[in-house]
């Protein structure tokens, strides 16, 4: 009985080994698909010349999973949302040459596109631009002139000629105020947290006598902590 049992076990081991040898080798795991090429393209405006002071910048992106693209207009950067592979942003142009860049970054990859647009528009003595660093938030730009009149989203055109050209309610900005001729006196610039849910950093850039040899640029920064806060972005005297 012991001999018979040993022989049976040996046969089973031999058959099992033969079947294992005949079985096909497992297939290697499929190779990971290469990521789509990252690209960004400015679609509008086409470049060249325009007589419009406010234009809409439009573009398309591919190979990107992020929610935003960075637009840089005349050196001023702003974050713009991407929806269905496209983005759109109104922008107030400067008189003369305007340089527009779109920059897309993801996991160490960078893509960008640029164009130059010449704007045949009147010069402004003052341009104030507000941007902030949180999405889905509403921050308002307030500019009060020497006469005490405040220009903001509820009063967009002042008697002295100041105009709130753009009002953004979905985060990041920019909101832009322009004035053709400045009056003597003190101008007060503020940022108002109309609706925020987290601390928000704001940046205000004031450009005086834009596009002339006497152009001056000043940048003010502040932090808004909660809805209703008002940050004193700065004052300047004309």
Protein backbone atom coordinates (compact mmCIF):
# COMPACT_ATOMS: atom_id res chain seq x y z
CA UNK A 1 0.00 0.00 0.00
CA UNK A 2 2.83 2.40 0.80
CA UNK A 3 4.46 1.78 -2.58
CA UNK A 4 1.17 2.26 -4.45
CA UNK A 5 0.47 5.52 -2.61
CA UNK A 6 3.93 6.88 -3.40
CA UNK A 7 3.53 6.05 -7.09
CA UNK A 8 0.14 7.77 -7.26
CA UNK A 9 1.51 10.94 -5.69
CA UNK A 10 4.45 10.96 -8.08
CA UNK A 11 2.07 10.63 -11.05
CA UNK A 12 -0.06 13.53 -9.82
CA UNK A 13 3.00 15.70 -9.36
CA UNK A 14 4.21 14.85 -12.85
CA UNK A 15 0.84 15.59 -14.45
CA UNK A 16 0.53 18.87 -12.52
CA UNK A 17 4.00 19.92 -13.62
CA UNK A 18 3.21 19.11 -17.24
CA UNK A 19 0.00 21.14 -17.14
CA UNK A 20 1.85 24.10 -15.56
CA UNK A 21 4.47 23.93 -18.29
CA UNK A 22 1.79 23.91 -21.00
CA UNK A 23 -0.11 26.96 -19.56
CA UNK A 24 0.47 30.27 -21.42
CA UNK A 25 2.53 32.94 -19.66
CA UNK A 26 0.45 35.77 -18.18
CA UNK A 27 0.13 38.85 -20.40
CA UNK A 28 2.11 41.92 -19.31
CA UNK A 29 0.01 44.84 -17.99
CA UNK A 30 -0.95 47.35 -20.67
CA UNK A 31 1.38 50.32 -20.95
CA UNK A 32 0.05 53.58 -19.55
CA UNK A 33 -1.25 55.91 -22.24
CA UNK A 34 0.95 58.93 -22.89
CA UNK A 35 -0.66 62.19 -21.71
CA UNK A 36 -2.14 64.37 -24.42
CA UNK A 37 0.10 67.19 -25.57
CA UNK A 38 -0.40 70.33 -23.50
CA UNK A 39 -1.30 73.36 -25.59
CA UNK A 40 -3.00 76.73 -25.31
CA UNK A 41 -4.07 78.96 -28.20
CA UNK A 42 -5.39 82.51 -28.23
CA UNK A 43 -8.35 82.65 -30.61
CA UNK A 44 -9.51 86.26 -30.15
CA UNK A 45 -8.52 88.98 -30.68
CA UNK A 46 -6.54 88.25 -33.82
CA UNK A 47 -3.82 90.79 -33.12
CA UNK A 48 -3.18 93.71 -35.44
CA UNK A 49 -5.15 96.86 -34.62
CA UNK A 50 -8.39 97.80 -32.93
CA UNK A 51 -10.29 100.93 -31.96
CA UNK A 52 -12.11 99.12 -29.13
CA UNK A 53 -10.99 99.94 -25.61
CA UNK A 54 -12.59 96.86 -24.05
CA UNK A 55 -12.09 93.54 -25.86
CA UNK A 56 -12.84 89.93 -24.97
CA UNK A 57 -9.82 87.63 -24.92
CA UNK A 58 -10.76 84.07 -25.92
CA UNK A 59 -8.70 80.90 -26.18
CA UNK A 60 -8.71 77.11 -26.18
CA UNK A 61 -6.62 74.52 -24.32
CA UNK A 62 -5.89 70.80 -24.82
CA UNK A 63 -4.22 68.16 -22.67
CA UNK A 64 -5.06 70.00 -19.49
CA UNK A 65 -6.94 68.83 -16.40
CA UNK A 66 -6.54 72.04 -14.39
CA UNK A 67 -9.37 74.53 -13.87
CA UNK A 68 -7.58 77.78 -14.78
CA UNK A 69 -5.19 79.46 -17.21
CA UNK A 70 -3.02 82.52 -16.55
CA UNK A 71 -3.45 85.57 -18.77
CA UNK A 72 -0.72 88.21 -18.72
CA UNK A 73 -1.77 91.53 -20.27
CA UNK A 74 0.92 94.21 -20.41
CA UNK A 75 2.73 92.51 -17.53
CA UNK A 76 -0.36 92.18 -15.31
CA UNK A 77 -1.17 88.52 -14.55
CA UNK A 78 -4.67 87.22 -13.86
CA UNK A 79 -6.16 83.75 -13.33
CA UNK A 80 -9.01 82.85 -15.71
CA UNK A 81 -11.33 79.82 -15.46
CA UNK A 82 -11.37 77.10 -18.13
CA UNK A 83 -14.71 75.56 -19.11
CA UNK A 84 -15.08 72.78 -21.70
CA UNK A 85 -11.55 73.44 -22.95
CA UNK A 86 -12.11 77.17 -23.52
CA UNK A 87 -11.65 80.44 -21.66
CA UNK A 88 -12.93 84.00 -22.08
CA UNK A 89 -12.01 87.23 -20.30
CA UNK A 90 -12.94 90.90 -20.97
CA UNK A 91 -9.98 93.24 -20.77
CA UNK A 92 -9.48 97.01 -20.93
CA UNK A 93 -6.70 97.81 -23.40
CA UNK A 94 -4.00 100.41 -23.01
CA UNK A 95 -3.45 102.99 -25.76
CA UNK A 96 -0.78 101.82 -28.18
CA UNK A 97 0.83 98.38 -28.05
CA UNK A 98 -0.75 95.67 -25.88
CA UNK A 99 1.01 92.36 -25.29
CA UNK A 100 -1.26 89.44 -24.40
CA UNK A 101 0.08 86.05 -23.22
CA UNK A 102 -1.75 82.89 -22.16
CA UNK A 103 0.27 80.50 -19.96
CA UNK A 104 -0.80 76.96 -19.05
CA UNK A 105 1.12 74.88 -16.48
CA UNK A 106 0.49 71.30 -15.37
CA UNK A 107 2.78 68.78 -13.65
CA UNK A 108 5.96 70.48 -14.80
CA UNK A 109 4.73 71.00 -18.35
CA UNK A 110 4.30 74.53 -19.69
CA UNK A 111 2.53 75.78 -22.82
CA UNK A 112 1.94 79.36 -23.89
CA UNK A 113 0.73 81.55 -26.73
CA UNK A 114 1.06 85.29 -27.28
CA UNK A 115 -0.12 88.09 -29.52
CA UNK A 116 0.38 91.83 -29.91
CA UNK A 117 -2.56 94.19 -30.39
CA UNK A 118 -2.30 97.91 -31.14
CA UNK A 119 -5.19 99.90 -29.67
CA UNK A 120 -6.07 103.25 -31.20
CA UNK A 121 -7.87 104.52 -28.10
CA UNK A 122 -7.62 107.72 -26.07
CA UNK A 123 -5.02 107.84 -23.33
CA UNK A 124 -6.19 107.84 -19.72
CA UNK A 125 -4.67 109.74 -16.84
CA UNK A 126 -5.50 106.88 -14.48
CA UNK A 127 -6.13 103.15 -14.68
CA UNK A 128 -6.70 101.08 -11.53
CA UNK A 129 -6.88 97.27 -11.77
CA UNK A 130 -7.98 94.91 -8.99
CA UNK A 131 -7.24 91.16 -8.94
CA UNK A 132 -7.55 88.59 -6.15
CA UNK A 133 -6.48 85.01 -5.47
CA UNK A 134 -9.68 83.02 -4.75
CA UNK A 135 -12.24 81.52 -7.15
CA UNK A 136 -16.02 81.81 -6.79
CA UNK A 137 -15.71 85.04 -4.80
CA UNK A 138 -16.80 88.63 -5.37
CA UNK A 139 -14.49 91.51 -4.49
CA UNK A 140 -15.35 95.06 -5.50
CA UNK A 141 -13.07 97.92 -6.50
CA UNK A 142 -13.90 101.29 -4.96
CA UNK A 143 -12.26 104.51 -6.14
CA UNK A 144 -13.13 107.77 -4.39
CA UNK A 145 -12.02 111.04 -5.96
CA UNK A 146 -11.10 114.38 -4.40
CA UNK A 147 -14.75 115.48 -4.64
CA UNK A 148 -15.84 112.57 -2.39
CA UNK A 149 -17.70 110.71 -5.14
CA UNK A 150 -17.18 106.93 -5.00
CA UNK A 151 -17.23 104.88 -8.20
CA UNK A 152 -18.06 101.19 -7.70
CA UNK A 153 -20.37 98.47 -9.10
CA UNK A 154 -23.50 100.36 -7.93
CA UNK A 155 -22.33 103.69 -9.41
CA UNK A 156 -20.12 102.90 -12.37
CA UNK A 157 -19.70 106.37 -13.90
CA UNK A 158 -18.58 109.37 -11.87
CA UNK A 159 -19.26 113.02 -12.62
CA UNK A 160 -15.52 113.70 -12.87
CA UNK A 161 -15.15 111.12 -15.66
CA UNK A 162 -14.10 108.01 -13.75
CA UNK A 163 -15.60 104.74 -15.02
CA UNK A 164 -15.67 101.19 -13.67
CA UNK A 165 -15.11 99.42 -17.00
CA UNK A 166 -15.31 95.81 -15.78
CA UNK A 167 -17.08 94.22 -12.80
CA UNK A 168 -16.28 90.54 -12.06
CA UNK A 169 -18.38 88.48 -9.61
CA UNK A 170 -16.95 84.96 -10.10
CA UNK A 171 -13.46 85.27 -8.63
CA UNK A 172 -9.96 86.54 -9.42
CA UNK A 173 -10.99 89.67 -11.38
CA UNK A 174 -9.86 91.85 -12.97
CA UNK A 175 -12.00 94.85 -12.12
CA UNK A 176 -10.78 97.98 -13.91
CA UNK A 177 -11.37 101.69 -13.28
CA UNK A 178 -10.22 104.36 -15.73
CA UNK A 179 -10.34 108.15 -15.77
CA UNK A 180 -9.41 110.37 -18.69
CA UNK A 181 -8.37 113.47 -16.70
CA UNK A 182 -7.42 113.62 -13.05
CA UNK A 183 -8.45 116.43 -10.73
CA UNK A 184 -6.19 117.94 -8.11
CA UNK A 185 -6.43 116.25 -4.74
CA UNK A 186 -6.34 112.85 -3.07
CA UNK A 187 -7.67 109.63 -4.60
CA UNK A 188 -8.59 106.77 -2.29
CA UNK A 189 -8.54 103.16 -3.53
CA UNK A 190 -10.30 100.36 -1.61
CA UNK A 191 -11.16 96.69 -2.08
CA UNK A 192 -14.48 95.51 -0.63
CA UNK A 193 -15.24 91.84 0.12
CA UNK A 194 -18.77 91.62 -1.27
CA UNK A 195 -18.86 87.83 -0.94
CA UNK A 196 -15.94 85.65 0.18
CA UNK A 197 -15.72 82.40 2.17
CA UNK A 198 -12.00 82.37 2.96
CA UNK A 199 -9.13 84.84 3.45
CA UNK A 200 -8.47 86.52 0.11
CA UNK A 201 -5.36 88.38 -1.00
CA UNK A 202 -6.04 91.36 -3.22
CA UNK A 203 -3.66 93.25 -5.47
CA UNK A 204 -4.37 96.70 -6.87
CA UNK A 205 -2.23 98.25 -9.62
CA UNK A 206 -2.60 101.97 -10.33
CA UNK A 207 -1.13 103.33 -13.56
CA UNK A 208 -0.96 107.10 -13.98
CA UNK A 209 -0.50 108.79 -17.37
CA UNK A 210 -0.47 105.45 -19.11
CA UNK A 211 1.44 105.20 -22.38
CA UNK A 212 3.34 108.48 -21.91
CA UNK A 213 6.96 109.20 -20.92
CA UNK A 214 5.62 110.24 -17.49
CA UNK A 215 3.89 106.89 -16.81
CA UNK A 216 3.93 105.77 -13.16
CA UNK A 217 2.91 102.38 -11.72
CA UNK A 218 2.14 101.61 -8.10
CA UNK A 219 1.01 98.28 -6.63
CA UNK A 220 -0.91 97.92 -3.37
CA UNK A 221 -1.62 94.61 -1.59
CA UNK A 222 -3.95 93.69 1.24
CA UNK A 223 -5.85 90.73 2.76
CA UNK A 224 -9.62 90.43 3.19
CA UNK A 225 -10.65 87.99 5.90
CA UNK A 226 -14.45 87.85 5.64
CA UNK A 227 -17.44 89.19 3.73
CA UNK A 228 -17.94 92.89 4.44
CA UNK A 229 -14.27 93.68 5.03
CA UNK A 230 -12.85 96.76 3.32
CA UNK A 231 -9.11 96.95 2.64
CA UNK A 232 -7.39 100.31 2.21
CA UNK A 233 -5.41 99.56 -0.92
CA UNK A 234 -3.80 102.98 -0.92
CA UNK A 235 -4.04 106.69 -1.58
CA UNK A 236 -2.25 109.00 -4.00
CA UNK A 237 -2.24 112.73 -4.51
CA UNK A 238 -2.52 114.36 -7.93
